[in-house]
N, C-alpha and C. Protein backbone atom coordinates (compact mmCIF):
# COMPACT_ATOMS: atom_id res chain seq x y z
N MET A 1 -1.55 3.69 19.90
CA MET A 1 -2.02 2.57 19.31
C MET A 1 -3.31 3.23 18.51
N TYR A 2 -3.40 2.83 17.48
CA TYR A 2 -4.48 2.86 16.35
C TYR A 2 -6.18 3.13 16.88
N SER A 3 -6.86 4.00 16.18
CA SER A 3 -8.19 3.74 17.29
C SER A 3 -8.96 2.63 16.01
N MET A 4 -9.91 2.33 16.48
CA MET A 4 -10.91 1.21 15.49
C MET A 4 -10.74 1.42 14.12
N PHE A 5 -11.31 3.04 14.25
CA PHE A 5 -11.74 3.80 12.92
C PHE A 5 -10.78 3.76 11.74
N TYR A 6 -9.27 4.05 12.12
CA TYR A 6 -8.14 4.02 11.93
C TYR A 6 -7.71 2.99 11.26
N ALA A 7 -8.02 1.62 11.83
CA ALA A 7 -7.40 0.51 11.40
C ALA A 7 -8.14 0.25 10.77
N GLY A 8 -9.32 0.63 10.84
CA GLY A 8 -10.14 -0.34 9.56
C GLY A 8 -10.53 0.33 8.57
N LEU A 9 -9.73 1.23 8.47
CA LEU A 9 -9.76 2.02 7.10
C LEU A 9 -8.76 1.98 6.42
N ILE A 10 -7.72 1.85 7.02
CA ILE A 10 -6.26 1.13 6.47
C ILE A 10 -6.45 -0.58 6.02
N GLU A 11 -7.21 -1.38 6.85
CA GLU A 11 -7.51 -2.05 6.18
C GLU A 11 -8.41 -2.43 4.73
N ALA A 12 -9.71 -1.32 4.69
CA ALA A 12 -10.10 -1.02 3.17
C ALA A 12 -9.76 -0.80 2.86
N LEU A 13 -8.44 0.20 2.81
CA LEU A 13 -7.13 0.08 1.50
C LEU A 13 -6.49 -0.64 1.06
N GLY A 14 -6.28 -1.16 2.14
CA GLY A 14 -5.48 -2.17 1.61
C GLY A 14 -6.15 -3.45 0.64
N ALA A 15 -6.80 -3.53 1.73
CA ALA A 15 -8.22 -4.66 0.44
C ALA A 15 -8.16 -4.26 -0.98
N PHE A 16 -8.41 -2.46 -1.07
CA PHE A 16 -8.51 -2.46 -2.43
C PHE A 16 -7.12 -2.18 -3.07
N ALA A 17 -6.27 -2.12 -2.43
CA ALA A 17 -4.81 -2.39 -3.00
C ALA A 17 -4.87 -3.72 -3.73
N LEU A 18 -4.78 -4.29 -2.42
CA LEU A 18 -4.52 -5.60 -3.22
C LEU A 18 -6.17 -6.55 -4.55
N TRP A 19 -6.99 -5.93 -3.84
CA TRP A 19 -7.61 -6.16 -5.80
C TRP A 19 -7.50 -5.54 -6.88
N SER A 20 -6.91 -4.40 -6.67
CA SER A 20 -6.29 -3.43 -7.67
C SER A 20 -5.61 -4.35 -7.73
N ILE A 21 -4.51 -4.72 -7.98
CA ILE A 21 -3.51 -5.22 -7.98
C ILE A 21 -3.31 -6.76 -9.16
N VAL A 22 -4.24 -7.48 -8.40
CA VAL A 22 -4.94 -8.83 -9.31
C VAL A 22 -5.78 -8.51 -10.15
N THR A 23 -6.22 -7.40 -9.94
CA THR A 23 -7.01 -6.92 -11.55
C THR A 23 -5.93 -6.39 -12.48
N ASP A 24 -5.01 -5.38 -12.59
CA ASP A 24 -4.09 -5.05 -13.13
C ASP A 24 -3.53 -5.45 -13.62
N ILE A 25 -2.83 -6.18 -13.27
CA ILE A 25 -1.91 -8.28 -13.20
C ILE A 25 -2.57 -8.66 -14.85
N ARG A 26 -4.03 -9.40 -13.99
CA ARG A 26 -4.70 -9.93 -15.10
C ARG A 26 -5.18 -9.42 -16.64
N ALA A 27 -5.09 -8.06 -16.40
CA ALA A 27 -5.55 -7.06 -17.71
C ALA A 27 -4.23 -6.40 -18.32
N GLY A 28 -3.24 -6.44 -17.71
CA GLY A 28 -2.04 -6.11 -18.27
C GLY A 28 -1.73 -4.50 -18.56
N SER A 29 -2.83 -4.14 -18.05
CA SER A 29 -2.40 -2.56 -18.25
C SER A 29 -3.45 -1.77 -16.39
N THR A 30 -3.00 -0.63 -16.61
CA THR A 30 -3.39 0.38 -15.11
C THR A 30 -3.39 1.38 -15.46
N THR A 31 -4.95 2.27 -14.92
CA THR A 31 -5.13 3.83 -14.96
C THR A 31 -4.37 4.32 -14.12
N ASN A 32 -4.16 5.61 -13.83
CA ASN A 32 -3.50 6.22 -12.91
C ASN A 32 -3.92 7.74 -13.15
N ARG A 33 -4.91 8.31 -12.91
CA ARG A 33 -4.84 9.52 -12.89
C ARG A 33 -5.23 10.11 -14.54
N SER A 34 -6.39 9.24 -14.51
CA SER A 34 -6.36 9.28 -16.15
C SER A 34 -5.34 9.08 -17.24
N THR A 35 -4.56 8.26 -16.52
CA THR A 35 -3.13 7.61 -17.40
C THR A 35 -3.40 6.58 -17.77
N THR A 36 -3.63 5.67 -18.95
CA THR A 36 -2.91 4.79 -19.01
C THR A 36 -1.35 3.89 -19.38
N ILE A 37 -1.76 2.58 -18.24
CA ILE A 37 -0.36 2.41 -18.70
C ILE A 37 -0.48 0.63 -18.99
N GLU A 38 0.33 0.52 -20.25
CA GLU A 38 -0.11 -0.62 -20.71
C GLU A 38 1.56 -1.34 -20.18
N VAL A 39 1.85 -2.42 -20.14
CA VAL A 39 2.72 -3.36 -19.62
C VAL A 39 3.49 -4.05 -21.14
N LYS A 40 2.97 -3.71 -22.01
CA LYS A 40 4.11 -3.77 -23.84
C LYS A 40 4.61 -2.64 -23.49
N ASP A 41 4.06 -1.47 -23.51
CA ASP A 41 4.43 -0.31 -23.85
C ASP A 41 4.90 0.37 -22.94
N ASN A 42 5.25 0.13 -21.83
CA ASN A 42 5.95 0.87 -20.30
C ASN A 42 5.87 0.07 -19.39
N PRO A 43 6.77 -0.71 -19.07
CA PRO A 43 6.60 -1.81 -18.22
C PRO A 43 7.38 -1.68 -16.56
N GLY A 44 7.95 -0.38 -16.97
CA GLY A 44 8.69 -0.09 -15.90
C GLY A 44 7.69 0.56 -14.98
N GLY A 45 7.03 1.48 -15.53
CA GLY A 45 6.02 2.11 -14.98
C GLY A 45 4.79 1.56 -14.81
N PHE A 46 4.34 0.65 -15.33
CA PHE A 46 3.62 -0.39 -14.75
C PHE A 46 3.58 -1.19 -13.55
N TYR A 47 4.73 -1.69 -13.87
CA TYR A 47 5.50 -2.73 -12.36
C TYR A 47 5.53 -1.69 -11.11
N PHE A 48 5.81 -0.39 -11.39
CA PHE A 48 6.51 0.79 -10.45
C PHE A 48 4.98 0.71 -9.63
N VAL A 49 3.83 1.03 -10.38
CA VAL A 49 2.46 1.57 -9.96
C VAL A 49 2.22 0.21 -8.84
N GLN A 50 2.17 -1.24 -9.73
CA GLN A 50 2.21 -2.12 -9.11
C GLN A 50 2.88 -2.42 -7.48
N ILE A 51 4.21 -2.08 -7.56
CA ILE A 51 4.88 -1.63 -5.97
C ILE A 51 4.76 -0.37 -4.98
N ALA A 52 4.03 -0.09 -5.87
CA ALA A 52 3.40 1.29 -4.62
C ALA A 52 2.26 0.61 -4.43
N LYS A 53 1.27 -0.26 -4.72
CA LYS A 53 0.61 -0.56 -4.47
C LYS A 53 0.46 -1.62 -3.42
N ALA A 54 1.21 -2.50 -3.97
CA ALA A 54 1.96 -3.20 -2.98
C ALA A 54 2.44 -2.79 -1.06
N GLY A 55 2.93 -1.60 -1.53
CA GLY A 55 3.36 -1.18 -0.52
C GLY A 55 2.22 -0.91 1.02
N VAL A 56 0.77 -0.28 0.10
CA VAL A 56 0.31 -0.55 0.91
C VAL A 56 -0.71 -1.63 1.62
N VAL A 57 -0.58 -2.86 0.85
CA VAL A 57 -0.97 -3.40 1.30
C VAL A 57 -0.05 -4.02 2.19
N CYS A 58 1.17 -4.19 2.38
CA CYS A 58 1.94 -4.51 3.36
C CYS A 58 1.80 -3.42 4.52
N PHE A 59 1.79 -2.19 4.35
CA PHE A 59 1.41 -1.21 5.23
C PHE A 59 0.10 -1.77 6.23
N ALA A 60 -1.14 -2.25 5.56
CA ALA A 60 -2.02 -2.76 5.82
C ALA A 60 -1.92 -4.04 6.78
N ALA A 61 -1.19 -5.22 6.23
CA ALA A 61 -0.96 -5.81 7.08
C ALA A 61 -0.25 -5.52 8.39
N ALA A 62 0.66 -4.94 8.38
CA ALA A 62 1.12 -4.46 9.19
C ALA A 62 0.52 -3.83 10.57
N THR A 63 -0.49 -2.92 9.82
CA THR A 63 -1.72 -2.44 11.15
C THR A 63 -2.57 -3.49 11.23
N LEU A 64 -2.87 -4.90 11.05
CA LEU A 64 -3.82 -5.49 11.36
C LEU A 64 -2.51 -6.33 12.16
N LEU A 65 -1.87 -6.83 12.04
CA LEU A 65 -0.52 -7.29 12.98
C LEU A 65 -0.12 -6.61 14.11
N HIS A 66 -0.45 -5.72 14.42
CA HIS A 66 -0.37 -4.49 15.04
C HIS A 66 -1.59 -4.91 16.01
N GLY A 67 -2.30 -4.67 15.74
CA GLY A 67 -3.73 -4.66 15.80
C GLY A 67 -4.34 -5.73 17.07
N LEU A 68 -3.60 -7.57 16.20
CA LEU A 68 -3.74 -8.05 17.07
C LEU A 68 -2.56 -8.16 18.17
N GLY A 69 -1.89 -7.49 18.23
CA GLY A 69 -0.36 -7.41 19.38
C GLY A 69 0.74 -8.58 19.34
N LEU A 70 0.73 -8.58 17.88
CA LEU A 70 2.02 -9.47 16.68
C LEU A 70 2.87 -8.94 16.72
N ILE A 71 3.13 -7.43 16.20
CA ILE A 71 3.94 -6.44 16.62
C ILE A 71 4.02 -5.12 16.92
N GLY A 72 5.34 -4.61 16.75
CA GLY A 72 5.39 -3.16 17.10
C GLY A 72 4.36 -2.13 16.59
N ASP A 73 4.10 -1.03 16.73
CA ASP A 73 3.45 -0.33 16.02
C ASP A 73 4.62 0.12 14.81
N PRO A 74 4.18 -0.20 13.58
CA PRO A 74 4.59 0.43 12.20
C PRO A 74 4.76 1.90 11.87
N VAL A 75 3.72 2.56 12.38
CA VAL A 75 4.01 4.15 12.33
C VAL A 75 5.75 4.61 12.81
N THR A 76 5.72 3.91 13.94
CA THR A 76 6.38 4.19 14.42
C THR A 76 7.82 3.52 14.31
N TRP A 77 8.13 2.65 13.50
CA TRP A 77 8.93 2.49 12.79
C TRP A 77 9.47 3.01 11.40
N ILE A 78 8.16 3.11 10.84
CA ILE A 78 8.96 3.91 9.21
C ILE A 78 9.32 5.39 10.34
N HIS A 79 8.96 5.81 11.20
CA HIS A 79 9.16 7.43 11.85
C HIS A 79 10.95 6.99 12.12
N GLU A 80 11.11 6.06 12.74
CA GLU A 80 12.54 5.50 13.18
C GLU A 80 13.24 5.56 11.95
N THR A 81 13.03 4.82 10.92
CA THR A 81 13.93 4.08 9.85
C THR A 81 14.23 5.30 9.08
N PHE A 82 13.07 6.23 8.93
CA PHE A 82 13.08 7.04 7.40
C PHE A 82 12.41 8.82 8.66
N PRO A 83 13.85 8.82 8.90
CA PRO A 83 13.70 10.40 9.96
C PRO A 83 12.99 11.09 9.17
N PHE A 84 13.58 11.75 7.46
CA PHE A 84 12.91 13.22 7.28
C PHE A 84 11.42 12.80 6.94
N LEU A 85 11.10 11.46 7.62
CA LEU A 85 9.40 11.37 7.18
C LEU A 85 8.24 11.99 9.18
N LYS A 86 9.71 12.64 9.38
CA LYS A 86 9.09 12.92 11.47
C LYS A 86 8.07 14.28 10.90
N SER A 87 6.81 13.99 12.22
CA SER A 87 6.35 15.44 11.46
C SER A 87 6.56 16.36 12.66
N ARG A 88 6.31 17.22 12.07
CA ARG A 88 7.64 18.75 12.96
C ARG A 88 6.79 19.39 13.81
């Protein structure tokens, strides 16, 4: 079970990622590590960044649902699904 601090931190990151996705899609560009990706110039890179941000939002939603007792532990599921990510 997560502590309240970690759950709050994950939820804050998820909210920021969701806000960032909406802002980037409205603007048609995203800035990542001092590189600006325009959707007209590089649509694959633009949408890849948006999909990565959507993964953060999904993990935050899973953390919230786990905190409410509606689903199992999302970190355990990730470790079972992707065994190469297990901690040593």
